[in-house]
């Protein structure tokens, strides 16, 4: 059974850092693009970052970041561990929300900004940035 489990969320002060992890089981990540989304209170789910499968070799198009997180967040993946990560730095109160990892179906190797193009979702992990 395909499953994604996030971890690493929590309460952090403004300016702090967190690293989110998402472990996949029941399937492998290596042929899929993956992404992180965020849902803030009272707002719709939004794309934070996406990364293509390493099988997709266009070097300049392998990652995407929302403008709000560029230069502060970094997405990565370790397909040997079947795990994806989101390293978050210089956190701001507006980064507060539930963070979801998402994976496209195997064979869909290129990244996407659109939630409806992702087939597998984690349960979410809460990130709260507050002093």
Foldseek 3Di string as FASTA:
>chain_A
DWAKAKDWADEAAQQAKIKMKIAIPPDFQQQKKKFKWWDAVPGDIFTAKIAFHVVDPPVVQGMDGDPVQPPFWDKDDDRVRSMIMIIGGSDDQVVWGWMKMFIAPGNHGGIDGDPVRTDHIHPTDTHGYHD
